[in-house]
Amino acid sequence: MKINYYKEDLKFSKKITIRKMMNHHYRKSKYFSSTYGSILKITPIQGKTLQIKGVDLIIDFENGRRIYIDEKVRRKWVKYKDILLEEYHDYDKKIPGWLKEGQLTDYVIYVKLSTRKVYILPFKILLLVWKENYENWWRQYGRVLAKNKWYTPKRYRTSCIPIPPDILLNKINDKKIELRIKNEI
């Protein structure tokens, strides 16, 4: 099993070329402009305090709205056919991954560099879909374990469930429709 080095992954995601590419995407995104309006400012988060709460980036809009983004950049140059949803940050200690209650995240932006695909995943709906489908997905798609090394010499294993993008996106869209209907009743 290959080891992922968190520090290296974080450094990569903060590279100026990746940052410019992502900022360009946010500014050109029809989803954000139609939902929130024009972007005033994009602020990458440097400290761990907000990042632990699921915030890598803050986007401020001209109309005064603000959203919190958790960026997931899959940088390996392999054409993955899934989106990895983190089940446990530390599998052996059963410490939940980034899909958990209490996060400040508004959107997870999942980027697959190998295919140049960017998925905009509304966090609260993603969390509902995760809770409803976790057992079935785990049985159907299995679990991917990866060894990780944090800032300390300690190593741990992260577990993720690999979900085909079309399955995940359909579940998210179905949940959006369901929630709209409930709100109209």
N, C-alpha and C. Protein backbone atom coordinates (compact mmCIF):
# COMPACT_ATOMS: atom_id res chain seq x y z
N MET A 1 0.85 -1.18 0.00
CA MET A 1 0.00 0.00 0.00
C MET A 1 0.90 1.24 0.00
N LYS A 2 0.65 2.16 -0.95
CA LYS A 2 1.42 3.39 -1.06
C LYS A 2 1.05 4.35 0.08
N ILE A 3 2.01 5.17 0.48
CA ILE A 3 1.76 6.14 1.55
C ILE A 3 1.48 7.50 0.93
N ASN A 4 0.40 8.15 1.39
CA ASN A 4 0.09 9.53 1.01
C ASN A 4 0.70 10.44 2.07
N TYR A 5 1.39 11.47 1.63
CA TYR A 5 1.97 12.43 2.56
C TYR A 5 1.12 13.69 2.55
N TYR A 6 0.40 13.89 3.64
CA TYR A 6 -0.54 15.00 3.74
C TYR A 6 0.13 16.34 3.45
N LYS A 7 1.32 16.55 4.01
CA LYS A 7 2.04 17.81 3.83
C LYS A 7 2.31 18.08 2.35
N GLU A 8 2.73 17.05 1.61
CA GLU A 8 2.99 17.19 0.18
C GLU A 8 1.70 17.47 -0.58
N ASP A 9 0.62 16.77 -0.22
CA ASP A 9 -0.66 16.99 -0.89
C ASP A 9 -1.15 18.42 -0.66
N LEU A 10 -0.98 18.90 0.57
CA LEU A 10 -1.40 20.27 0.90
C LEU A 10 -0.55 21.28 0.12
N LYS A 11 0.76 21.05 0.08
CA LYS A 11 1.66 21.94 -0.66
C LYS A 11 1.27 21.96 -2.14
N PHE A 12 0.96 20.80 -2.70
CA PHE A 12 0.56 20.72 -4.11
C PHE A 12 -0.71 21.53 -4.36
N SER A 13 -1.70 21.38 -3.46
CA SER A 13 -2.98 22.08 -3.67
C SER A 13 -2.82 23.59 -3.55
N LYS A 14 -1.76 24.04 -2.90
CA LYS A 14 -1.54 25.48 -2.74
C LYS A 14 -0.60 26.04 -3.81
N LYS A 15 -0.10 25.18 -4.72
CA LYS A 15 0.75 25.66 -5.80
C LYS A 15 0.03 26.75 -6.57
N ILE A 16 0.80 27.73 -7.02
CA ILE A 16 0.22 28.89 -7.68
C ILE A 16 -0.52 28.49 -8.96
N THR A 17 -0.01 27.49 -9.70
CA THR A 17 -0.69 27.09 -10.93
C THR A 17 -2.04 26.45 -10.64
N ILE A 18 -2.11 25.63 -9.60
CA ILE A 18 -3.38 25.01 -9.22
C ILE A 18 -4.33 26.09 -8.70
N ARG A 19 -3.80 27.00 -7.87
CA ARG A 19 -4.64 28.07 -7.31
C ARG A 19 -5.22 28.93 -8.43
N LYS A 20 -4.38 29.30 -9.41
CA LYS A 20 -4.86 30.12 -10.54
C LYS A 20 -5.93 29.37 -11.33
N MET A 21 -5.69 28.07 -11.58
CA MET A 21 -6.66 27.27 -12.33
C MET A 21 -8.00 27.22 -11.59
N MET A 22 -7.94 26.99 -10.28
CA MET A 22 -9.17 26.89 -9.50
C MET A 22 -9.88 28.24 -9.42
N ASN A 23 -9.13 29.32 -9.19
CA ASN A 23 -9.75 30.64 -9.14
C ASN A 23 -10.42 30.98 -10.47
N HIS A 24 -9.77 30.63 -11.57
CA HIS A 24 -10.35 30.84 -12.89
C HIS A 24 -11.67 30.06 -13.01
N HIS A 25 -11.65 28.82 -12.54
CA HIS A 25 -12.86 28.00 -12.58
C HIS A 25 -14.00 28.66 -11.78
N TYR A 26 -13.70 29.12 -10.57
CA TYR A 26 -14.74 29.74 -9.75
C TYR A 26 -15.32 30.97 -10.44
N ARG A 27 -14.45 31.79 -11.01
CA ARG A 27 -14.92 33.02 -11.66
C ARG A 27 -15.73 32.74 -12.92
N LYS A 28 -15.43 31.65 -13.61
CA LYS A 28 -16.14 31.30 -14.85
C LYS A 28 -17.34 30.37 -14.62
N SER A 29 -17.48 29.87 -13.42
CA SER A 29 -18.53 28.90 -13.13
C SER A 29 -19.93 29.52 -13.28
N LYS A 30 -20.71 28.95 -14.19
CA LYS A 30 -22.09 29.41 -14.36
C LYS A 30 -22.91 29.09 -13.12
N TYR A 31 -22.56 27.99 -12.45
CA TYR A 31 -23.31 27.59 -11.25
C TYR A 31 -23.21 28.68 -10.19
N PHE A 32 -22.00 29.12 -9.88
CA PHE A 32 -21.83 30.12 -8.83
C PHE A 32 -22.39 31.48 -9.26
N SER A 33 -22.16 31.88 -10.51
CA SER A 33 -22.66 33.20 -10.93
C SER A 33 -24.18 33.23 -10.97
N SER A 34 -24.81 32.13 -11.40
CA SER A 34 -26.28 32.13 -11.44
C SER A 34 -26.90 31.99 -10.05
N THR A 35 -26.19 31.34 -9.14
CA THR A 35 -26.70 31.14 -7.79
C THR A 35 -26.41 32.33 -6.88
N TYR A 36 -25.20 32.90 -7.00
CA TYR A 36 -24.77 33.91 -6.04
C TYR A 36 -24.43 35.27 -6.65
N GLY A 37 -24.20 35.35 -7.95
CA GLY A 37 -23.81 36.60 -8.57
C GLY A 37 -22.32 36.67 -8.82
N SER A 38 -21.81 37.88 -8.97
CA SER A 38 -20.39 38.09 -9.31
C SER A 38 -19.50 37.93 -8.08
N ILE A 39 -18.35 37.32 -8.32
CA ILE A 39 -17.37 37.11 -7.23
C ILE A 39 -16.61 38.40 -6.98
N LEU A 40 -16.53 38.77 -5.72
CA LEU A 40 -15.77 39.94 -5.30
C LEU A 40 -14.35 39.53 -4.92
N LYS A 41 -14.24 38.44 -4.12
CA LYS A 41 -12.93 38.06 -3.59
C LYS A 41 -12.89 36.56 -3.32
N ILE A 42 -11.73 35.95 -3.59
CA ILE A 42 -11.47 34.54 -3.28
C ILE A 42 -10.30 34.50 -2.31
N THR A 43 -10.53 33.93 -1.13
CA THR A 43 -9.51 33.92 -0.10
C THR A 43 -9.14 32.48 0.29
N PRO A 44 -7.93 32.03 -0.08
CA PRO A 44 -7.48 30.71 0.38
C PRO A 44 -7.17 30.76 1.88
N ILE A 45 -7.49 29.69 2.58
CA ILE A 45 -7.27 29.62 4.03
C ILE A 45 -5.89 29.03 4.29
N GLN A 46 -5.13 29.67 5.17
CA GLN A 46 -3.77 29.23 5.47
C GLN A 46 -3.69 28.37 6.73
N GLY A 47 -4.43 28.72 7.76
CA GLY A 47 -4.31 28.02 9.04
C GLY A 47 -5.14 26.75 9.11
N LYS A 48 -4.84 25.93 10.10
CA LYS A 48 -5.53 24.64 10.26
C LYS A 48 -6.91 24.77 10.88
N THR A 49 -7.17 25.83 11.65
CA THR A 49 -8.42 25.94 12.40
C THR A 49 -9.65 25.81 11.50
N LEU A 50 -9.70 26.59 10.44
CA LEU A 50 -10.84 26.50 9.53
C LEU A 50 -10.77 25.27 8.64
N GLN A 51 -9.55 24.86 8.26
CA GLN A 51 -9.42 23.69 7.41
C GLN A 51 -9.95 22.43 8.10
N ILE A 52 -9.76 22.33 9.38
CA ILE A 52 -10.30 21.18 10.13
C ILE A 52 -11.82 21.19 10.10
N LYS A 53 -12.42 22.38 9.96
CA LYS A 53 -13.88 22.51 9.88
C LYS A 53 -14.39 22.45 8.44
N GLY A 54 -13.51 22.07 7.50
CA GLY A 54 -13.93 21.88 6.12
C GLY A 54 -13.88 23.11 5.25
N VAL A 55 -13.02 24.07 5.59
CA VAL A 55 -12.93 25.30 4.79
C VAL A 55 -11.49 25.47 4.28
N ASP A 56 -11.33 25.34 2.96
CA ASP A 56 -10.04 25.59 2.32
C ASP A 56 -10.02 26.96 1.66
N LEU A 57 -11.22 27.47 1.41
CA LEU A 57 -11.35 28.68 0.61
C LEU A 57 -12.65 29.38 0.98
N ILE A 58 -12.59 30.72 1.01
CA ILE A 58 -13.81 31.52 1.20
C ILE A 58 -14.03 32.35 -0.05
N ILE A 59 -15.26 32.31 -0.56
CA ILE A 59 -15.60 33.14 -1.72
C ILE A 59 -16.64 34.16 -1.27
N ASP A 60 -16.28 35.44 -1.46
CA ASP A 60 -17.19 36.54 -1.17
C ASP A 60 -17.75 37.06 -2.49
N PHE A 61 -19.06 37.35 -2.48
CA PHE A 61 -19.74 37.83 -3.67
C PHE A 61 -20.09 39.31 -3.52
N GLU A 62 -20.28 39.97 -4.64
CA GLU A 62 -20.58 41.40 -4.62
C GLU A 62 -21.88 41.72 -3.88
N ASN A 63 -22.81 40.76 -3.83
CA ASN A 63 -24.09 40.99 -3.15
C ASN A 63 -24.00 40.77 -1.64
N GLY A 64 -22.79 40.52 -1.13
CA GLY A 64 -22.61 40.33 0.31
C GLY A 64 -22.64 38.89 0.78
N ARG A 65 -23.01 37.96 -0.10
CA ARG A 65 -23.04 36.54 0.28
C ARG A 65 -21.63 36.00 0.37
N ARG A 66 -21.49 34.95 1.19
CA ARG A 66 -20.20 34.31 1.40
C ARG A 66 -20.42 32.80 1.44
N ILE A 67 -19.53 32.05 0.77
CA ILE A 67 -19.60 30.59 0.84
C ILE A 67 -18.24 30.01 1.22
N TYR A 68 -18.31 28.83 1.84
CA TYR A 68 -17.12 28.13 2.29
C TYR A 68 -16.92 26.88 1.43
N ILE A 69 -15.71 26.76 0.90
CA ILE A 69 -15.38 25.68 -0.03
C ILE A 69 -14.36 24.73 0.60
N ASP A 70 -14.60 23.43 0.43
CA ASP A 70 -13.62 22.39 0.78
C ASP A 70 -13.16 21.79 -0.54
N GLU A 71 -11.91 22.01 -0.89
CA GLU A 71 -11.39 21.52 -2.17
C GLU A 71 -10.75 20.15 -2.01
N LYS A 72 -11.11 19.24 -2.90
CA LYS A 72 -10.52 17.90 -2.94
C LYS A 72 -9.90 17.76 -4.33
N VAL A 73 -8.58 17.78 -4.40
CA VAL A 73 -7.89 17.69 -5.68
C VAL A 73 -7.24 16.32 -5.77
N ARG A 74 -7.70 15.55 -6.72
CA ARG A 74 -7.14 14.22 -6.95
C ARG A 74 -6.09 14.38 -8.03
N ARG A 75 -4.84 14.36 -7.61
CA ARG A 75 -3.76 14.75 -8.51
C ARG A 75 -3.08 13.62 -9.25
N LYS A 76 -3.30 12.41 -8.86
CA LYS A 76 -2.65 11.30 -9.55
C LYS A 76 -3.12 11.28 -11.00
N TRP A 77 -2.19 11.10 -11.91
CA TRP A 77 -2.51 11.17 -13.34
C TRP A 77 -3.01 9.82 -13.85
N VAL A 78 -4.06 9.37 -13.23
CA VAL A 78 -4.75 8.14 -13.63
C VAL A 78 -6.20 8.53 -13.89
N LYS A 79 -6.82 7.96 -14.88
CA LYS A 79 -8.22 8.31 -15.17
C LYS A 79 -9.15 7.51 -14.28
N TYR A 80 -9.27 7.96 -13.04
CA TYR A 80 -10.15 7.32 -12.07
C TYR A 80 -11.59 7.39 -12.56
N LYS A 81 -12.34 6.36 -12.27
CA LYS A 81 -13.75 6.32 -12.67
C LYS A 81 -14.66 6.47 -11.46
N ASP A 82 -14.18 7.14 -10.43
CA ASP A 82 -14.97 7.28 -9.22
C ASP A 82 -14.68 8.61 -8.54
N ILE A 83 -15.51 8.91 -7.56
CA ILE A 83 -15.28 10.01 -6.63
C ILE A 83 -15.10 9.34 -5.28
N LEU A 84 -13.98 9.63 -4.62
CA LEU A 84 -13.73 9.03 -3.31
C LEU A 84 -14.38 9.87 -2.21
N LEU A 85 -15.27 9.24 -1.46
CA LEU A 85 -15.88 9.90 -0.30
C LEU A 85 -15.22 9.33 0.94
N GLU A 86 -14.60 10.22 1.72
CA GLU A 86 -13.83 9.78 2.88
C GLU A 86 -14.74 9.30 4.01
N GLU A 87 -14.62 8.03 4.29
CA GLU A 87 -15.40 7.39 5.36
C GLU A 87 -14.76 7.69 6.71
N TYR A 88 -13.48 7.34 6.85
CA TYR A 88 -12.74 7.58 8.09
C TYR A 88 -11.42 8.26 7.79
N HIS A 89 -11.16 9.33 8.51
CA HIS A 89 -9.86 10.00 8.43
C HIS A 89 -8.80 9.04 8.98
N ASP A 90 -9.13 8.40 10.09
CA ASP A 90 -8.27 7.36 10.67
C ASP A 90 -9.13 6.11 10.83
N TYR A 91 -8.95 5.17 9.93
CA TYR A 91 -9.78 3.97 9.89
C TYR A 91 -9.67 3.14 11.16
N ASP A 92 -8.47 2.96 11.66
CA ASP A 92 -8.26 2.10 12.83
C ASP A 92 -8.87 2.68 14.10
N LYS A 93 -8.85 4.00 14.23
CA LYS A 93 -9.43 4.65 15.41
C LYS A 93 -10.88 5.08 15.17
N LYS A 94 -11.38 4.83 13.95
CA LYS A 94 -12.75 5.19 13.55
C LYS A 94 -13.03 6.69 13.74
N ILE A 95 -12.05 7.51 13.37
CA ILE A 95 -12.24 8.97 13.38
C ILE A 95 -12.88 9.34 12.04
N PRO A 96 -14.07 9.94 12.07
CA PRO A 96 -14.79 10.23 10.82
C PRO A 96 -13.98 11.08 9.85
N GLY A 97 -14.25 10.86 8.57
CA GLY A 97 -13.62 11.65 7.52
C GLY A 97 -14.31 12.99 7.36
N TRP A 98 -14.10 13.62 6.22
CA TRP A 98 -14.63 14.98 6.02
C TRP A 98 -16.14 15.03 5.81
N LEU A 99 -16.78 13.90 5.62
CA LEU A 99 -18.25 13.87 5.48
C LEU A 99 -18.88 13.67 6.85
N LYS A 100 -18.95 14.73 7.62
CA LYS A 100 -19.48 14.61 8.99
C LYS A 100 -20.23 15.88 9.37
N GLU A 101 -21.06 15.73 10.38
CA GLU A 101 -21.82 16.87 10.92
C GLU A 101 -20.85 17.89 11.52
N GLY A 102 -21.29 19.14 11.56
CA GLY A 102 -20.51 20.18 12.24
C GLY A 102 -19.50 20.89 11.36
N GLN A 103 -19.40 20.49 10.10
CA GLN A 103 -18.48 21.18 9.19
C GLN A 103 -19.11 22.51 8.76
N LEU A 104 -18.28 23.46 8.42
CA LEU A 104 -18.76 24.77 7.94
C LEU A 104 -18.95 24.78 6.43
N THR A 105 -18.55 23.72 5.78
CA THR A 105 -18.54 23.61 4.32
C THR A 105 -19.90 23.89 3.69
N ASP A 106 -19.91 24.72 2.64
CA ASP A 106 -21.09 24.89 1.80
C ASP A 106 -21.01 23.99 0.57
N TYR A 107 -19.81 23.92 -0.02
CA TYR A 107 -19.61 23.09 -1.21
C TYR A 107 -18.29 22.35 -1.12
N VAL A 108 -18.30 21.11 -1.58
CA VAL A 108 -17.07 20.36 -1.81
C VAL A 108 -16.81 20.49 -3.31
N ILE A 109 -15.63 20.96 -3.65
CA ILE A 109 -15.23 21.04 -5.05
C ILE A 109 -14.24 19.89 -5.26
N TYR A 110 -14.68 18.91 -6.02
CA TYR A 110 -13.90 17.69 -6.24
C TYR A 110 -13.30 17.77 -7.63
N VAL A 111 -11.97 17.79 -7.70
CA VAL A 111 -11.26 17.98 -8.96
C VAL A 111 -10.48 16.72 -9.31
N LYS A 112 -10.67 16.24 -10.53
CA LYS A 112 -9.88 15.12 -11.04
C LYS A 112 -8.99 15.68 -12.14
N LEU A 113 -7.72 15.93 -11.79
CA LEU A 113 -6.81 16.57 -12.74
C LEU A 113 -6.60 15.74 -14.00
N SER A 114 -6.60 14.43 -13.88
CA SER A 114 -6.33 13.57 -15.03
C SER A 114 -7.38 13.73 -16.13
N THR A 115 -8.62 14.00 -15.73
CA THR A 115 -9.69 14.16 -16.72
C THR A 115 -10.15 15.62 -16.84
N ARG A 116 -9.55 16.50 -16.01
CA ARG A 116 -9.89 17.92 -15.97
C ARG A 116 -11.37 18.14 -15.64
N LYS A 117 -11.92 17.25 -14.83
CA LYS A 117 -13.32 17.38 -14.41
C LYS A 117 -13.37 18.03 -13.04
N VAL A 118 -14.36 18.89 -12.88
CA VAL A 118 -14.60 19.56 -11.61
C VAL A 118 -16.06 19.30 -11.24
N TYR A 119 -16.26 18.77 -10.04
CA TYR A 119 -17.61 18.49 -9.55
C TYR A 119 -17.91 19.46 -8.42
N ILE A 120 -19.07 20.12 -8.51
CA ILE A 120 -19.53 21.03 -7.46
C ILE A 120 -20.58 20.26 -6.66
N LEU A 121 -20.22 19.92 -5.43
CA LEU A 121 -21.09 19.07 -4.60
C LEU A 121 -21.60 19.87 -3.40
N PRO A 122 -22.89 20.19 -3.35
CA PRO A 122 -23.44 20.92 -2.19
C PRO A 122 -23.32 20.05 -0.95
N PHE A 123 -22.59 20.54 0.04
CA PHE A 123 -22.19 19.71 1.17
C PHE A 123 -23.37 19.15 1.97
N LYS A 124 -24.33 19.98 2.33
CA LYS A 124 -25.43 19.49 3.18
C LYS A 124 -26.22 18.39 2.47
N ILE A 125 -26.43 18.54 1.19
CA ILE A 125 -27.15 17.51 0.43
C ILE A 125 -26.27 16.27 0.28
N LEU A 126 -24.99 16.48 0.01
CA LEU A 126 -24.04 15.36 -0.07
C LEU A 126 -24.05 14.56 1.23
N LEU A 127 -24.08 15.24 2.36
CA LEU A 127 -24.09 14.57 3.66
C LEU A 127 -25.37 13.75 3.84
N LEU A 128 -26.51 14.29 3.45
CA LEU A 128 -27.77 13.54 3.53
C LEU A 128 -27.73 12.29 2.64
N VAL A 129 -27.24 12.46 1.43
CA VAL A 129 -27.13 11.34 0.48
C VAL A 129 -26.18 10.28 1.02
N TRP A 130 -25.08 10.72 1.60
CA TRP A 130 -24.09 9.81 2.20
C TRP A 130 -24.73 8.97 3.30
N LYS A 131 -25.44 9.63 4.20
CA LYS A 131 -26.07 8.91 5.31
C LYS A 131 -27.10 7.89 4.82
N GLU A 132 -27.86 8.26 3.80
CA GLU A 132 -28.90 7.37 3.28
C GLU A 132 -28.35 6.19 2.49
N ASN A 133 -27.19 6.35 1.87
CA ASN A 133 -26.69 5.34 0.94
C ASN A 133 -25.41 4.65 1.39
N TYR A 134 -24.83 5.09 2.50
CA TYR A 134 -23.53 4.57 2.94
C TYR A 134 -23.49 3.04 2.96
N GLU A 135 -24.42 2.40 3.65
CA GLU A 135 -24.39 0.93 3.79
C GLU A 135 -24.42 0.24 2.42
N ASN A 136 -25.32 0.66 1.55
CA ASN A 136 -25.41 0.06 0.22
C ASN A 136 -24.15 0.30 -0.59
N TRP A 137 -23.65 1.53 -0.54
CA TRP A 137 -22.44 1.85 -1.30
C TRP A 137 -21.25 1.05 -0.79
N TRP A 138 -21.10 0.93 0.50
CA TRP A 138 -19.98 0.18 1.06
C TRP A 138 -20.03 -1.27 0.56
N ARG A 139 -21.23 -1.86 0.60
CA ARG A 139 -21.37 -3.25 0.12
C ARG A 139 -21.12 -3.35 -1.38
N GLN A 140 -21.63 -2.41 -2.13
CA GLN A 140 -21.57 -2.48 -3.59
C GLN A 140 -20.19 -2.11 -4.16
N TYR A 141 -19.57 -1.06 -3.63
CA TYR A 141 -18.34 -0.53 -4.22
C TYR A 141 -17.08 -0.82 -3.40
N GLY A 142 -17.26 -1.31 -2.19
CA GLY A 142 -16.10 -1.63 -1.36
C GLY A 142 -15.49 -0.41 -0.70
N ARG A 143 -14.30 -0.61 -0.21
CA ARG A 143 -13.61 0.41 0.57
C ARG A 143 -12.18 0.49 0.06
N VAL A 144 -11.65 1.69 -0.06
CA VAL A 144 -10.26 1.91 -0.46
C VAL A 144 -9.50 2.40 0.77
N LEU A 145 -8.45 1.70 1.13
CA LEU A 145 -7.61 2.11 2.25
C LEU A 145 -6.32 2.71 1.73
N ALA A 146 -5.86 3.77 2.38
CA ALA A 146 -4.59 4.41 2.00
C ALA A 146 -3.82 4.74 3.26
N LYS A 147 -2.55 4.41 3.24
CA LYS A 147 -1.69 4.81 4.36
C LYS A 147 -1.38 6.29 4.20
N ASN A 148 -1.36 6.99 5.31
CA ASN A 148 -1.09 8.42 5.31
C ASN A 148 -0.07 8.76 6.36
N LYS A 149 0.62 9.86 6.12
CA LYS A 149 1.54 10.40 7.11
C LYS A 149 1.18 11.86 7.30
N TRP A 150 0.91 12.24 8.53
CA TRP A 150 0.52 13.60 8.89
C TRP A 150 1.78 14.41 9.13
N TYR A 151 1.72 15.48 9.86
CA TYR A 151 2.88 16.32 10.15
C TYR A 151 3.86 15.62 11.10
N THR A 152 3.37 14.72 11.91
CA THR A 152 4.21 14.01 12.87
C THR A 152 4.66 12.69 12.25
N PRO A 153 5.54 11.97 12.90
CA PRO A 153 5.97 10.67 12.37
C PRO A 153 4.84 9.64 12.36
N LYS A 154 3.75 9.93 13.04
CA LYS A 154 2.63 8.99 13.13
C LYS A 154 2.04 8.69 11.75
N ARG A 155 1.75 7.44 11.52
CA ARG A 155 1.07 7.03 10.28
C ARG A 155 -0.30 6.49 10.63
N TYR A 156 -1.21 6.63 9.71
CA TYR A 156 -2.57 6.15 9.92
C TYR A 156 -3.15 5.75 8.57
N ARG A 157 -4.29 5.07 8.60
CA ARG A 157 -4.94 4.66 7.36
C ARG A 157 -6.27 5.39 7.21
N THR A 158 -6.46 5.95 6.03
CA THR A 158 -7.72 6.60 5.68
C THR A 158 -8.54 5.61 4.87
N SER A 159 -9.85 5.63 5.06
CA SER A 159 -10.71 4.78 4.23
C SER A 159 -11.70 5.65 3.46
N CYS A 160 -11.91 5.27 2.22
CA CYS A 160 -12.83 5.97 1.33
C CYS A 160 -13.71 4.97 0.61
N ILE A 161 -14.90 5.41 0.24
CA ILE A 161 -15.80 4.60 -0.57
C ILE A 161 -15.77 5.20 -1.97
N PRO A 162 -15.40 4.41 -3.00
CA PRO A 162 -15.33 4.92 -4.37
C PRO A 162 -16.70 4.85 -5.06
N ILE A 163 -17.29 6.00 -5.31
CA ILE A 163 -18.63 6.06 -5.90
C ILE A 163 -18.52 6.51 -7.36
N PRO A 164 -19.16 5.80 -8.30
CA PRO A 164 -19.17 6.29 -9.68
C PRO A 164 -19.84 7.68 -9.73
N PRO A 165 -19.25 8.63 -10.45
CA PRO A 165 -19.80 9.99 -10.48
C PRO A 165 -21.27 10.06 -10.87
N ASP A 166 -21.69 9.29 -11.87
CA ASP A 166 -23.08 9.37 -12.30
C ASP A 166 -24.04 8.92 -11.19
N ILE A 167 -23.65 7.92 -10.43
CA ILE A 167 -24.48 7.45 -9.30
C ILE A 167 -24.59 8.55 -8.24
N LEU A 168 -23.45 9.12 -7.87
CA LEU A 168 -23.44 10.16 -6.84
C LEU A 168 -24.23 11.40 -7.29
N LEU A 169 -23.98 11.86 -8.49
CA LEU A 169 -24.66 13.06 -8.98
C LEU A 169 -26.17 12.85 -9.12
N ASN A 170 -26.59 11.66 -9.55
CA ASN A 170 -28.03 11.37 -9.63
C ASN A 170 -28.67 11.38 -8.25
N LYS A 171 -27.99 10.80 -7.26
CA LYS A 171 -28.52 10.80 -5.88
C LYS A 171 -28.63 12.23 -5.35
N ILE A 172 -27.63 13.06 -5.63
CA ILE A 172 -27.66 14.45 -5.18
C ILE A 172 -28.83 15.19 -5.85
N ASN A 173 -29.00 15.01 -7.14
CA ASN A 173 -30.10 15.68 -7.85
C ASN A 173 -31.46 15.19 -7.36
N ASP A 174 -31.59 13.88 -7.12
CA ASP A 174 -32.85 13.34 -6.58
C ASP A 174 -33.16 13.96 -5.22
N LYS A 175 -32.13 14.11 -4.39
CA LYS A 175 -32.31 14.68 -3.04
C LYS A 175 -32.71 16.16 -3.14
N LYS A 176 -32.13 16.89 -4.09
CA LYS A 176 -32.50 18.30 -4.28
C LYS A 176 -33.99 18.40 -4.64
N ILE A 177 -34.44 17.56 -5.55
CA ILE A 177 -35.85 17.56 -5.97
C ILE A 177 -36.74 17.20 -4.79
N GLU A 178 -36.35 16.16 -4.04
CA GLU A 178 -37.13 15.74 -2.87
C GLU A 178 -37.26 16.87 -1.86
N LEU A 179 -36.18 17.57 -1.60
CA LEU A 179 -36.19 18.66 -0.63
C LEU A 179 -37.04 19.84 -1.12
N ARG A 180 -36.98 20.13 -2.43
CA ARG A 180 -37.82 21.19 -2.99
C ARG A 180 -39.30 20.86 -2.84
N ILE A 181 -39.66 19.61 -3.12
CA ILE A 181 -41.06 19.18 -3.01
C ILE A 181 -41.52 19.28 -1.56
N LYS A 182 -40.69 18.83 -0.61
CA LYS A 182 -41.06 18.92 0.81
C LYS A 182 -41.25 20.36 1.25
N ASN A 183 -40.42 21.25 0.73
CA ASN A 183 -40.53 22.67 1.10
C ASN A 183 -41.77 23.33 0.51
N GLU A 184 -42.29 22.78 -0.58
CA GLU A 184 -43.47 23.35 -1.22
C GLU A 184 -44.75 22.87 -0.57
N ILE A 185 -44.69 21.78 0.15
CA ILE A 185 -45.91 21.20 0.76
C ILE A 185 -46.27 21.96 2.02
